[in-house]
PDB file of N, CA and C in Angstrom:
ATOM      1  N   MET A   1     -51.974  38.745 -33.871  1.00  0.00           N
ATOM      2  CA  MET A   1     -52.113  37.636 -32.951  1.00  0.00           C
ATOM      3  C   MET A   1     -52.366  36.354 -33.741  1.00  0.00           C
ATOM      4  N   THR A   2     -51.984  35.256 -33.141  1.00  0.00           N
ATOM      5  CA  THR A   2     -52.149  33.949 -33.749  1.00  0.00           C
ATOM      6  C   THR A   2     -53.130  33.125 -32.913  1.00  0.00           C
ATOM      7  N   SER A   3     -54.003  32.403 -33.601  1.00  0.00           N
ATOM      8  CA  SER A   3     -54.909  31.508 -32.875  1.00  0.00           C
ATOM      9  C   SER A   3     -54.351  30.095 -32.918  1.00  0.00           C
ATOM     10  N   CYS A   4     -54.769  29.283 -31.952  1.00  0.00           N
ATOM     11  CA  CYS A   4     -54.233  27.936 -31.824  1.00  0.00           C
ATOM     12  C   CYS A   4     -55.273  27.055 -31.138  1.00  0.00           C
ATOM     13  N   LEU A   5     -55.357  25.797 -31.576  1.00  0.00           N
ATOM     14  CA  LEU A   5     -56.221  24.819 -30.926  1.00  0.00           C
ATOM     15  C   LEU A   5     -55.351  23.976 -30.005  1.00  0.00           C
ATOM     16  N   ILE A   6     -55.721  23.895 -28.723  1.00  0.00           N
ATOM     17  CA  ILE A   6     -54.936  23.132 -27.752  1.00  0.00           C
ATOM     18  C   ILE A   6     -55.835  22.198 -26.968  1.00  0.00           C
ATOM     19  N   THR A   7     -55.222  21.255 -26.282  1.00  0.00           N
ATOM     20  CA  THR A   7     -55.904  20.367 -25.350  1.00  0.00           C
ATOM     21  C   THR A   7     -55.166  20.459 -24.021  1.00  0.00           C
ATOM     22  N   ILE A   8     -55.925  20.621 -22.934  1.00  0.00           N
ATOM     23  CA  ILE A   8     -55.323  20.631 -21.601  1.00  0.00           C
ATOM     24  C   ILE A   8     -56.034  19.596 -20.737  1.00  0.00           C
ATOM     25  N   GLU A   9     -55.381  19.218 -19.652  1.00  0.00           N
ATOM     26  CA  GLU A   9     -55.961  18.298 -18.688  1.00  0.00           C
ATOM     27  C   GLU A   9     -55.937  18.974 -17.326  1.00  0.00           C
ATOM     28  N   VAL A  10     -57.087  18.969 -16.649  1.00  0.00           N
ATOM     29  CA  VAL A  10     -57.174  19.560 -15.316  1.00  0.00           C
ATOM     30  C   VAL A  10     -57.796  18.541 -14.367  1.00  0.00           C
ATOM     31  N   ILE A  11     -57.637  18.793 -13.083  1.00  0.00           N
ATOM     32  CA  ILE A  11     -58.205  17.922 -12.054  1.00  0.00           C
ATOM     33  C   ILE A  11     -59.698  18.200 -11.940  1.00  0.00           C
ATOM     34  N   LEU A  12     -60.492  17.140 -11.886  1.00  0.00           N
ATOM     35  CA  LEU A  12     -61.931  17.252 -11.700  1.00  0.00           C
ATOM     36  C   LEU A  12     -62.215  17.941 -10.372  1.00  0.00           C
ATOM     37  N   GLN A  13     -63.114  18.908 -10.383  1.00  0.00           N
ATOM     38  CA  GLN A  13     -63.449  19.685  -9.188  1.00  0.00           C
ATOM     39  C   GLN A  13     -64.794  19.243  -8.616  1.00  0.00           C
ATOM     40  N   ASP A  14     -65.090  19.683  -7.393  1.00  0.00           N
ATOM     41  CA  ASP A  14     -66.327  19.307  -6.715  1.00  0.00           C
ATOM     42  C   ASP A  14     -67.572  19.974  -7.294  1.00  0.00           C
ATOM     43  N   SER A  15     -67.400  21.145  -7.918  1.00  0.00           N
ATOM     44  CA  SER A  15     -68.554  21.847  -8.481  1.00  0.00           C
ATOM     45  C   SER A  15     -68.238  22.315  -9.901  1.00  0.00           C
ATOM     46  N   ALA A  16     -69.299  22.532 -10.665  1.00  0.00           N
ATOM     47  CA  ALA A  16     -69.139  23.014 -12.037  1.00  0.00           C
ATOM     48  C   ALA A  16     -68.513  24.406 -12.064  1.00  0.00           C
ATOM     49  N   LEU A  17     -68.887  25.264 -11.117  1.00  0.00           N
ATOM     50  CA  LEU A  17     -68.319  26.616 -11.082  1.00  0.00           C
ATOM     51  C   LEU A  17     -66.824  26.588 -10.786  1.00  0.00           C
ATOM     52  N   GLU A  18     -66.417  25.734  -9.867  1.00  0.00           N
ATOM     53  CA  GLU A  18     -64.987  25.622  -9.548  1.00  0.00           C
ATOM     54  C   GLU A  18     -64.228  25.033 -10.733  1.00  0.00           C
ATOM     55  N   LEU A  19     -64.809  24.053 -11.408  1.00  0.00           N
ATOM     56  CA  LEU A  19     -64.175  23.472 -12.592  1.00  0.00           C
ATOM     57  C   LEU A  19     -63.988  24.536 -13.675  1.00  0.00           C
ATOM     58  N   GLU A  20     -65.003  25.337 -13.905  1.00  0.00           N
ATOM     59  CA  GLU A  20     -64.902  26.413 -14.898  1.00  0.00           C
ATOM     60  C   GLU A  20     -63.783  27.381 -14.535  1.00  0.00           C
ATOM     61  N   ARG A  21     -63.683  27.743 -13.250  1.00  0.00           N
ATOM     62  CA  ARG A  21     -62.638  28.672 -12.798  1.00  0.00           C
ATOM     63  C   ARG A  21     -61.245  28.092 -13.037  1.00  0.00           C
ATOM     64  N   VAL A  22     -61.067  26.804 -12.724  1.00  0.00           N
ATOM     65  CA  VAL A  22     -59.774  26.145 -12.919  1.00  0.00           C
ATOM     66  C   VAL A  22     -59.422  26.076 -14.408  1.00  0.00           C
ATOM     67  N   ILE A  23     -60.393  25.722 -15.235  1.00  0.00           N
ATOM     68  CA  ILE A  23     -60.155  25.645 -16.682  1.00  0.00           C
ATOM     69  C   ILE A  23     -59.756  27.011 -17.227  1.00  0.00           C
ATOM     70  N   GLU A  24     -60.522  28.041 -16.879  1.00  0.00           N
ATOM     71  CA  GLU A  24     -60.218  29.394 -17.367  1.00  0.00           C
ATOM     72  C   GLU A  24     -58.819  29.842 -16.926  1.00  0.00           C
ATOM     73  N   ALA A  25     -58.456  29.558 -15.684  1.00  0.00           N
ATOM     74  CA  ALA A  25     -57.134  29.951 -15.184  1.00  0.00           C
ATOM     75  C   ALA A  25     -56.022  29.238 -15.960  1.00  0.00           C
ATOM     76  N   GLU A  26     -56.189  27.950 -16.225  1.00  0.00           N
ATOM     77  CA  GLU A  26     -55.181  27.204 -16.984  1.00  0.00           C
ATOM     78  C   GLU A  26     -55.064  27.726 -18.408  1.00  0.00           C
ATOM     79  N   LEU A  27     -56.195  28.026 -19.027  1.00  0.00           N
ATOM     80  CA  LEU A  27     -56.168  28.538 -20.398  1.00  0.00           C
ATOM     81  C   LEU A  27     -55.518  29.913 -20.473  1.00  0.00           C
ATOM     82  N   GLN A  28     -55.751  30.747 -19.466  1.00  0.00           N
ATOM     83  CA  GLN A  28     -55.154  32.088 -19.441  1.00  0.00           C
ATOM     84  C   GLN A  28     -53.625  32.032 -19.418  1.00  0.00           C
ATOM     85  N   LYS A  29     -53.066  30.953 -18.905  1.00  0.00           N
ATOM     86  CA  LYS A  29     -51.612  30.786 -18.900  1.00  0.00           C
ATOM     87  C   LYS A  29     -51.072  30.648 -20.320  1.00  0.00           C
ATOM     88  N   GLN A  30     -51.892  30.157 -21.241  1.00  0.00           N
ATOM     89  CA  GLN A  30     -51.484  29.909 -22.625  1.00  0.00           C
ATOM     90  C   GLN A  30     -51.809  31.075 -23.547  1.00  0.00           C
ATOM     91  N   GLY A  31     -52.911  31.757 -23.273  1.00  0.00           N
ATOM     92  CA  GLY A  31     -53.367  32.831 -24.149  1.00  0.00           C
ATOM     93  C   GLY A  31     -54.759  33.278 -23.746  1.00  0.00           C
ATOM     94  N   GLU A  32     -55.471  33.903 -24.682  1.00  0.00           N
ATOM     95  CA  GLU A  32     -56.818  34.396 -24.430  1.00  0.00           C
ATOM     96  C   GLU A  32     -57.836  33.428 -25.016  1.00  0.00           C
ATOM     97  N   PRO A  33     -58.638  32.760 -24.178  1.00  0.00           N
ATOM     98  CA  PRO A  33     -59.605  31.782 -24.686  1.00  0.00           C
ATOM     99  C   PRO A  33     -60.665  32.427 -25.587  1.00  0.00           C
ATOM    100  N   ILE A  34     -60.881  31.821 -26.743  1.00  0.00           N
ATOM    101  CA  ILE A  34     -61.952  32.228 -27.645  1.00  0.00           C
ATOM    102  C   ILE A  34     -63.152  31.315 -27.404  1.00  0.00           C
ATOM    103  N   HIS A  35     -62.873  30.035 -27.316  1.00  0.00           N
ATOM    104  CA  HIS A  35     -63.902  29.018 -27.107  1.00  0.00           C
ATOM    105  C   HIS A  35     -63.245  27.794 -26.496  1.00  0.00           C
ATOM    106  N   TRP A  36     -63.937  27.148 -25.576  1.00  0.00           N
ATOM    107  CA  TRP A  36     -63.423  25.890 -25.028  1.00  0.00           C
ATOM    108  C   TRP A  36     -64.582  24.967 -24.695  1.00  0.00           C
ATOM    109  N   ALA A  37     -64.281  23.664 -24.622  1.00  0.00           N
ATOM    110  CA  ALA A  37     -65.293  22.664 -24.295  1.00  0.00           C
ATOM    111  C   ALA A  37     -64.636  21.479 -23.602  1.00  0.00           C
ATOM    112  N   VAL A  38     -65.343  20.911 -22.640  1.00  0.00           N
ATOM    113  CA  VAL A  38     -64.897  19.665 -22.014  1.00  0.00           C
ATOM    114  C   VAL A  38     -65.116  18.554 -23.037  1.00  0.00           C
ATOM    115  N   THR A  39     -64.058  17.814 -23.342  1.00  0.00           N
ATOM    116  CA  THR A  39     -64.150  16.762 -24.358  1.00  0.00           C
ATOM    117  C   THR A  39     -64.146  15.363 -23.760  1.00  0.00           C
ATOM    118  N   GLU A  40     -63.679  15.235 -22.530  1.00  0.00           N
ATOM    119  CA  GLU A  40     -63.641  13.922 -21.885  1.00  0.00           C
ATOM    120  C   GLU A  40     -63.530  14.092 -20.372  1.00  0.00           C
ATOM    121  N   VAL A  41     -64.224  13.210 -19.652  1.00  0.00           N
ATOM    122  CA  VAL A  41     -64.127  13.177 -18.191  1.00  0.00           C
ATOM    123  C   VAL A  41     -63.706  11.769 -17.798  1.00  0.00           C
ATOM    124  N   ASP A  42     -62.598  11.669 -17.068  1.00  0.00           N
ATOM    125  CA  ASP A  42     -62.102  10.392 -16.576  1.00  0.00           C
ATOM    126  C   ASP A  42     -62.332  10.367 -15.064  1.00  0.00           C
ATOM    127  N   CYS A  43     -63.479   9.791 -14.660  1.00  0.00           N
ATOM    128  CA  CYS A  43     -63.840   9.770 -13.238  1.00  0.00           C
ATOM    129  C   CYS A  43     -62.851   8.950 -12.409  1.00  0.00           C
ATOM    130  N   GLN A  44     -62.325   7.892 -12.991  1.00  0.00           N
ATOM    131  CA  GLN A  44     -61.390   7.035 -12.269  1.00  0.00           C
ATOM    132  C   GLN A  44     -60.116   7.797 -11.907  1.00  0.00           C
ATOM    133  N   ARG A  45     -59.586   8.565 -12.862  1.00  0.00           N
ATOM    134  CA  ARG A  45     -58.362   9.346 -12.623  1.00  0.00           C
ATOM    135  C   ARG A  45     -58.660  10.740 -12.070  1.00  0.00           C
ATOM    136  N   GLN A  46     -59.956  11.119 -12.023  1.00  0.00           N
ATOM    137  CA  GLN A  46     -60.371  12.440 -11.555  1.00  0.00           C
ATOM    138  C   GLN A  46     -59.759  13.551 -12.406  1.00  0.00           C
ATOM    139  N   ARG A  47     -59.798  13.352 -13.741  1.00  0.00           N
ATOM    140  CA  ARG A  47     -59.234  14.311 -14.690  1.00  0.00           C
ATOM    141  C   ARG A  47     -60.274  14.693 -15.736  1.00  0.00           C
ATOM    142  N   VAL A  48     -60.141  15.901 -16.268  1.00  0.00           N
ATOM    143  CA  VAL A  48     -61.012  16.413 -17.319  1.00  0.00           C
ATOM    144  C   VAL A  48     -60.129  16.887 -18.461  1.00  0.00           C
ATOM    145  N   LEU A  49     -60.458  16.471 -19.692  1.00  0.00           N
ATOM    146  CA  LEU A  49     -59.765  16.970 -20.880  1.00  0.00           C
ATOM    147  C   LEU A  49     -60.590  18.094 -21.485  1.00  0.00           C
ATOM    148  N   VAL A  50     -59.905  19.148 -21.895  1.00  0.00           N
ATOM    149  CA  VAL A  50     -60.562  20.328 -22.443  1.00  0.00           C
ATOM    150  C   VAL A  50     -59.890  20.679 -23.768  1.00  0.00           C
ATOM    151  N   GLY A  51     -60.700  20.854 -24.803  1.00  0.00           N
ATOM    152  CA  GLY A  51     -60.207  21.367 -26.084  1.00  0.00           C
ATOM    153  C   GLY A  51     -60.526  22.848 -26.136  1.00  0.00           C
ATOM    154  N   ALA A  52     -59.570  23.658 -26.589  1.00  0.00           N
ATOM    155  CA  ALA A  52     -59.780  25.105 -26.576  1.00  0.00           C
ATOM    156  C   ALA A  52     -59.157  25.773 -27.791  1.00  0.00           C
ATOM    157  N   LEU A  53     -59.808  26.832 -28.235  1.00  0.00           N
ATOM    158  CA  LEU A  53     -59.269  27.710 -29.260  1.00  0.00           C
ATOM    159  C   LEU A  53     -58.833  28.983 -28.549  1.00  0.00           C
ATOM    160  N   LEU A  54     -57.582  29.368 -28.742  1.00  0.00           N
ATOM    161  CA  LEU A  54     -57.001  30.520 -28.032  1.00  0.00           C
ATOM    162  C   LEU A  54     -56.374  31.507 -28.988  1.00  0.00           C
ATOM    163  N   TRP A  55     -56.351  32.760 -28.552  1.00  0.00           N
ATOM    164  CA  TRP A  55     -55.432  33.731 -29.123  1.00  0.00           C
ATOM    165  C   TRP A  55     -54.164  33.566 -28.315  1.00  0.00           C
ATOM    166  N   LEU A  56     -53.043  33.285 -28.959  1.00  0.00           N
ATOM    167  CA  LEU A  56     -51.782  33.073 -28.254  1.00  0.00           C
ATOM    168  C   LEU A  56     -51.191  34.383 -27.775  1.00  0.00           C
ATOM    169  N   LYS A  57     -50.556  34.326 -26.619  1.00  0.00           N
ATOM    170  CA  LYS A  57     -49.820  35.472 -26.122  1.00  0.00           C
ATOM    171  C   LYS A  57     -48.642  35.706 -27.069  1.00  0.00           C
ATOM    172  N   PRO A  58     -48.286  36.963 -27.343  1.00  0.00           N
ATOM    173  CA  PRO A  58     -47.217  37.254 -28.305  1.00  0.00           C
ATOM    174  C   PRO A  58     -45.910  36.519 -28.033  1.00  0.00           C
ATOM    175  N   GLU A  59     -45.531  36.358 -26.759  1.00  0.00           N
ATOM    176  CA  GLU A  59     -44.267  35.695 -26.453  1.00  0.00           C
ATOM    177  C   GLU A  59     -44.328  34.180 -26.736  1.00  0.00           C
ATOM    178  N   LEU A  60     -45.548  33.615 -26.892  1.00  0.00           N
ATOM    179  CA  LEU A  60     -45.688  32.174 -27.150  1.00  0.00           C
ATOM    180  C   LEU A  60     -45.898  31.862 -28.620  1.00  0.00           C
ATOM    181  N   SER A  61     -46.212  32.853 -29.442  1.00  0.00           N
ATOM    182  CA  SER A  61     -46.488  32.590 -30.855  1.00  0.00           C
ATOM    183  C   SER A  61     -45.251  32.676 -31.710  1.00  0.00           C
TER     184      SER A  61
END
């Protein structure tokens, strides 16, 4: 397996638990999350930037 550092953008959610669920779901589309962190919140655009380290899915590596 190959690891990769990526950045994704998701829509800001009403609760921290819902935001975590949305982030995890988006990351699962790319691979298996090892570690992730919110790196920026844009309240005006209602967007959150997330930096993540993933194990890539074999078909994506």
